[in-house]
């Protein structure tokens, strides 16, 4: 009888161990950082963008800071990303039609919300005035910049106050087709101040001028505007409603890991620049 009890007891212990092992194997385990979640592995999407260094550019390592953040957020969900570079208007129109899965980075407005699913913010832009360090420039309101010749860019919206002041002639905004042309005009004395996103501005200055010349350009700390930028996924693609949520989950994980902050610091130190061989 004792022997039978030992056999039964041994059998029960073994049975419990097998059950526990089986349950453990099915329990979700937090994946290692940057390891894709397997249930979506193998998917691939294509996103359209324009050139806007250091945010997005095929001429930079990782294709720019925002491209890296977006790509790695998707990779955490097992999704590969390919970027195509087009004129800005074409990139958003073709993404809207569903030719591309989405486009980036864009501001949010009602017109776009009708056609796209918006992600959580993928970056924050700060638009400021740049000027040469040989002028004493201060501003708080639009009235403070009356009388200055301002360099702006065709198609850019600087807010209702500046837009109205430009239309009624209160402000003179000399618009160029590219941001970099404004800095060339600033250097040549053809404009007094330039409106530009702060990281974009210093990226342009770094590319256009020598290290010694760069010191002549500074920005005013008061922003003209501060805005969130987003990834847009087309509503013409049914799967994108779920895909945007999957992306947001990956973005949160990447942010919580500290990597997004790390990548911004790297970008601002010039680590993503591809140096031309002499």
Protein backbone atom coordinates (compact mmCIF):
# COMPACT_ATOMS: atom_id res chain seq x y z
CA UNK A 1 0.00 0.00 0.00
CA UNK A 2 2.82 2.41 0.88
CA UNK A 3 4.48 1.56 -2.42
CA UNK A 4 1.27 2.33 -4.30
CA UNK A 5 0.98 5.71 -2.54
CA UNK A 6 4.56 6.56 -3.54
CA UNK A 7 3.79 5.70 -7.17
CA UNK A 8 0.58 7.74 -7.15
CA UNK A 9 2.30 10.67 -5.42
CA UNK A 10 5.16 10.57 -7.93
CA UNK A 11 2.71 10.50 -10.80
CA UNK A 12 0.81 13.52 -9.43
CA UNK A 13 4.02 15.56 -9.01
CA UNK A 14 5.09 14.75 -12.55
CA UNK A 15 1.62 15.63 -13.88
CA UNK A 16 1.68 19.02 -12.08
CA UNK A 17 5.12 19.83 -13.46
CA UNK A 18 3.97 19.10 -17.01
CA UNK A 19 0.88 21.29 -16.57
CA UNK A 20 2.93 24.16 -15.11
CA UNK A 21 5.48 23.93 -17.90
CA UNK A 22 2.73 24.01 -20.49
CA UNK A 23 1.10 27.07 -18.95
CA UNK A 24 4.44 28.87 -18.68
CA UNK A 25 5.17 28.26 -22.35
CA UNK A 26 1.88 29.92 -23.34
CA UNK A 27 2.23 32.91 -21.03
CA UNK A 28 3.22 36.09 -22.96
CA UNK A 29 6.75 37.14 -22.11
CA UNK A 30 8.00 40.70 -22.63
CA UNK A 31 10.08 40.59 -25.79
CA UNK A 32 13.66 41.77 -25.73
CA UNK A 33 14.01 45.45 -26.61
CA UNK A 34 13.84 46.02 -30.40
CA UNK A 35 12.70 42.42 -31.01
CA UNK A 36 9.70 42.37 -33.38
CA UNK A 37 6.46 40.87 -32.12
CA UNK A 38 6.14 37.63 -34.04
CA UNK A 39 2.47 37.60 -34.95
CA UNK A 40 2.97 40.40 -37.49
CA UNK A 41 6.43 39.42 -38.71
CA UNK A 42 6.98 39.52 -42.47
CA UNK A 43 4.74 42.51 -43.26
CA UNK A 44 6.18 45.38 -45.30
CA UNK A 45 4.89 48.88 -46.00
CA UNK A 46 6.02 51.82 -48.13
CA UNK A 47 5.90 55.42 -46.91
CA UNK A 48 6.28 58.52 -49.06
CA UNK A 49 8.16 61.62 -47.99
CA UNK A 50 9.99 64.65 -49.28
CA UNK A 51 13.51 65.87 -48.47
CA UNK A 52 13.61 67.74 -45.15
CA UNK A 53 16.91 67.12 -43.38
CA UNK A 54 17.53 66.29 -40.60
CA UNK A 55 14.00 64.89 -40.20
CA UNK A 56 13.79 62.84 -43.41
CA UNK A 57 16.43 62.56 -46.13
CA UNK A 58 17.89 59.81 -48.28
CA UNK A 59 21.20 61.67 -48.01
CA UNK A 60 21.55 60.99 -44.27
CA UNK A 61 22.38 57.91 -42.23
CA UNK A 62 19.18 56.08 -41.25
CA UNK A 63 17.45 58.40 -43.76
CA UNK A 64 17.16 61.02 -41.03
CA UNK A 65 16.12 61.10 -37.39
CA UNK A 66 12.35 60.82 -37.95
CA UNK A 67 12.75 58.07 -40.54
CA UNK A 68 14.78 56.09 -38.02
CA UNK A 69 12.19 56.53 -35.27
CA UNK A 70 9.36 55.47 -37.59
CA UNK A 71 11.24 52.51 -39.03
CA UNK A 72 12.28 51.13 -35.64
CA UNK A 73 8.81 51.65 -34.16
CA UNK A 74 7.37 49.51 -36.94
CA UNK A 75 10.18 46.95 -36.58
CA UNK A 76 9.16 46.46 -32.96
CA UNK A 77 5.84 45.28 -34.38
CA UNK A 78 7.48 42.99 -36.95
CA UNK A 79 6.91 45.33 -39.91
CA UNK A 80 9.57 46.43 -42.40
CA UNK A 81 9.48 49.93 -43.89
CA UNK A 82 10.66 51.29 -47.23
CA UNK A 83 10.76 55.05 -47.90
CA UNK A 84 10.24 56.72 -51.27
CA UNK A 85 11.19 60.38 -51.80
CA UNK A 86 8.95 62.61 -53.90
CA UNK A 87 7.91 66.26 -54.13
CA UNK A 88 5.84 66.99 -51.02
CA UNK A 89 2.53 67.56 -52.79
CA UNK A 90 2.90 64.38 -54.80
CA UNK A 91 3.87 62.35 -51.74
CA UNK A 92 0.68 63.20 -49.86
CA UNK A 93 -1.61 62.93 -52.89
CA UNK A 94 -0.30 59.49 -53.85
CA UNK A 95 -0.50 58.30 -50.24
CA UNK A 96 -4.07 59.61 -50.06
CA UNK A 97 -5.01 57.53 -53.10
CA UNK A 98 -3.52 54.40 -51.54
CA UNK A 99 -0.55 54.08 -53.93
CA UNK A 100 1.65 54.25 -50.83
CA UNK A 101 0.67 53.08 -47.36
CA UNK A 102 1.31 56.48 -45.86
CA UNK A 103 3.41 59.63 -45.73
CA UNK A 104 5.41 61.68 -43.22
CA UNK A 105 5.97 64.00 -41.42
CA UNK A 106 2.93 66.28 -41.52
CA UNK A 107 1.00 68.72 -39.38
CA UNK A 108 -2.56 67.81 -38.41
CA UNK A 109 -5.56 69.58 -39.93
CA UNK A 110 -9.20 68.73 -40.61
CA UNK A 111 -8.71 68.25 -44.36
CA UNK A 112 -6.00 65.63 -43.84
CA UNK A 113 -7.92 63.92 -41.04
CA UNK A 114 -10.65 63.13 -43.56
CA UNK A 115 -8.23 61.05 -45.64
CA UNK A 116 -5.65 59.70 -43.20
CA UNK A 117 -5.23 57.93 -39.89
CA UNK A 118 -2.92 60.05 -37.72
CA UNK A 119 -0.29 58.49 -35.46
CA UNK A 120 0.79 59.74 -32.08
CA UNK A 121 3.29 62.61 -32.54
CA UNK A 122 6.56 61.41 -34.11
CA UNK A 123 8.40 64.75 -33.66
CA UNK A 124 7.91 68.35 -32.58
CA UNK A 125 8.99 71.28 -34.72
CA UNK A 126 9.97 74.71 -33.47
CA UNK A 127 9.88 77.45 -36.09
CA UNK A 128 12.10 80.45 -35.28
CA UNK A 129 13.75 83.51 -36.78
CA UNK A 130 17.39 83.14 -37.86
CA UNK A 131 19.61 86.17 -38.32
CA UNK A 132 23.27 87.21 -38.51
CA UNK A 133 24.96 87.96 -35.21
CA UNK A 134 25.86 91.49 -36.33
CA UNK A 135 22.29 92.77 -35.92
CA UNK A 136 20.48 93.41 -32.66
CA UNK A 137 17.21 91.56 -33.26
CA UNK A 138 14.43 91.16 -30.69
CA UNK A 139 10.81 90.28 -31.21
CA UNK A 140 7.66 89.30 -29.32
CA UNK A 141 4.81 90.26 -31.64
CA UNK A 142 4.30 90.62 -35.39
CA UNK A 143 4.56 94.41 -35.00
CA UNK A 144 8.17 93.96 -33.85
CA UNK A 145 9.25 92.56 -37.23
CA UNK A 146 7.70 95.29 -39.37
CA UNK A 147 10.34 96.92 -41.51
CA UNK A 148 12.48 93.78 -41.75
CA UNK A 149 12.80 91.90 -45.02
CA UNK A 150 11.91 88.33 -44.07
CA UNK A 151 13.01 85.21 -45.88
CA UNK A 152 10.30 82.55 -46.12
CA UNK A 153 9.60 79.47 -48.22
CA UNK A 154 6.95 78.98 -50.90
CA UNK A 155 4.00 76.92 -49.66
CA UNK A 156 4.87 77.16 -45.96
CA UNK A 157 2.24 78.34 -43.50
CA UNK A 158 3.55 80.36 -40.56
CA UNK A 159 0.30 80.82 -38.66
CA UNK A 160 -2.79 82.99 -39.06
CA UNK A 161 -1.18 86.14 -37.65
CA UNK A 162 1.82 86.06 -40.00
CA UNK A 163 -0.33 84.96 -42.94
CA UNK A 164 -2.73 87.87 -42.50
CA UNK A 165 0.10 90.36 -42.03
CA UNK A 166 1.75 89.17 -45.23
CA UNK A 167 -1.49 89.38 -47.23
CA UNK A 168 -2.31 92.91 -46.10
CA UNK A 169 1.23 94.12 -46.71
CA UNK A 170 2.16 94.68 -43.07
CA UNK A 171 5.03 92.20 -43.43
CA UNK A 172 7.36 91.72 -46.38
CA UNK A 173 8.09 88.01 -46.77
CA UNK A 174 10.43 87.24 -49.65
CA UNK A 175 9.63 83.59 -50.40
CA UNK A 176 12.13 81.20 -51.98
CA UNK A 177 11.42 77.75 -53.41
CA UNK A 178 13.81 76.08 -50.94
CA UNK A 179 14.80 76.78 -47.33
CA UNK A 180 18.49 76.82 -48.18
CA UNK A 181 18.05 79.71 -50.61
CA UNK A 182 16.87 81.88 -47.73
CA UNK A 183 20.12 81.33 -45.85
CA UNK A 184 22.11 82.17 -48.97
CA UNK A 185 20.12 85.41 -49.23
CA UNK A 186 20.65 86.07 -45.52
CA UNK A 187 24.40 85.66 -45.95
CA UNK A 188 24.36 88.00 -48.97
CA UNK A 189 22.36 90.64 -47.07
CA UNK A 190 19.30 90.34 -49.33
CA UNK A 191 17.04 89.52 -46.36
CA UNK A 192 17.37 90.55 -42.72
CA UNK A 193 15.86 87.53 -41.00
CA UNK A 194 14.78 84.03 -42.06
CA UNK A 195 11.88 81.90 -40.86
CA UNK A 196 12.86 78.23 -40.48
CA UNK A 197 12.42 75.21 -38.25
CA UNK A 198 15.35 75.27 -35.83
CA UNK A 199 16.89 71.84 -36.53
CA UNK A 200 16.36 72.25 -40.27
CA UNK A 201 17.98 75.69 -40.18
CA UNK A 202 21.14 74.55 -38.46
CA UNK A 203 21.35 71.52 -40.74
CA UNK A 204 21.31 73.88 -43.75
CA UNK A 205 23.87 76.22 -42.20
CA UNK A 206 26.18 73.27 -41.51
CA UNK A 207 25.97 72.16 -45.15
CA UNK A 208 26.29 75.56 -46.80
CA UNK A 209 29.02 77.26 -44.80
CA UNK A 210 32.42 76.66 -43.26
CA UNK A 211 32.78 76.01 -39.55
CA UNK A 212 34.03 79.57 -39.04
CA UNK A 213 31.22 81.08 -41.13
CA UNK A 214 28.57 79.09 -39.24
CA UNK A 215 29.27 81.15 -36.13
CA UNK A 216 27.77 84.21 -37.82
CA UNK A 217 24.27 82.65 -37.82
CA UNK A 218 22.10 82.54 -34.72
CA UNK A 219 18.39 82.20 -33.95
CA UNK A 220 16.04 84.09 -31.67
CA UNK A 221 14.77 81.86 -28.83
CA UNK A 222 11.13 83.01 -29.08
CA UNK A 223 9.38 80.54 -31.42
CA UNK A 224 7.03 81.66 -34.16
CA UNK A 225 5.22 78.35 -33.70
CA UNK A 226 5.68 74.96 -32.05
CA UNK A 227 3.84 72.03 -33.58
CA UNK A 228 3.58 68.25 -33.41
CA UNK A 229 4.35 66.24 -36.55
CA UNK A 230 2.68 62.97 -37.46
CA UNK A 231 2.83 59.84 -39.55
CA UNK A 232 -0.23 59.61 -41.84
CA UNK A 233 -1.63 56.27 -43.06
CA UNK A 234 -4.15 56.28 -45.88
CA UNK A 235 -7.79 55.53 -45.09
CA UNK A 236 -8.05 54.03 -48.58
CA UNK A 237 -6.18 50.99 -47.24
CA UNK A 238 -8.47 49.02 -44.92
CA UNK A 239 -5.69 47.49 -42.81
CA UNK A 240 -4.31 50.90 -41.89
CA UNK A 241 -6.86 51.47 -39.11
CA UNK A 242 -5.24 48.65 -37.13
CA UNK A 243 -1.75 49.40 -38.43
CA UNK A 244 -1.73 52.90 -36.95
CA UNK A 245 -2.48 51.46 -33.51
CA UNK A 246 0.27 48.89 -33.94
CA UNK A 247 2.69 51.67 -34.87
CA UNK A 248 1.70 53.71 -31.82
CA UNK A 249 2.47 50.73 -29.59
CA UNK A 250 5.92 50.39 -31.15
CA UNK A 251 6.55 54.13 -30.84
CA UNK A 252 5.67 54.07 -27.14
CA UNK A 253 8.06 51.18 -26.52
CA UNK A 254 10.86 52.90 -28.43
CA UNK A 255 10.28 56.14 -26.51
CA UNK A 256 10.15 54.41 -23.13
CA UNK A 257 13.44 52.66 -23.93
CA UNK A 258 15.18 56.05 -24.17
CA UNK A 259 16.20 55.48 -27.78
CA UNK A 260 14.15 58.31 -29.28
CA UNK A 261 15.93 60.84 -27.06
CA UNK A 262 19.24 59.16 -27.85
CA UNK A 263 18.63 59.41 -31.61
CA UNK A 264 17.74 63.11 -31.40
CA UNK A 265 20.93 63.81 -29.47
CA UNK A 266 22.94 61.90 -32.09
CA UNK A 267 21.29 63.80 -34.93
CA UNK A 268 21.99 67.17 -33.35
CA UNK A 269 25.64 66.23 -32.89
CA UNK A 270 25.89 65.61 -36.64
CA UNK A 271 26.35 61.85 -36.34
CA UNK A 272 23.82 61.16 -39.13
CA UNK A 273 25.61 63.34 -41.67
CA UNK A 274 27.31 61.44 -44.48
CA UNK A 275 30.65 63.12 -45.02
CA UNK A 276 31.77 63.53 -48.61
CA UNK A 277 35.10 61.92 -49.43
CA UNK A 278 37.75 64.40 -50.44
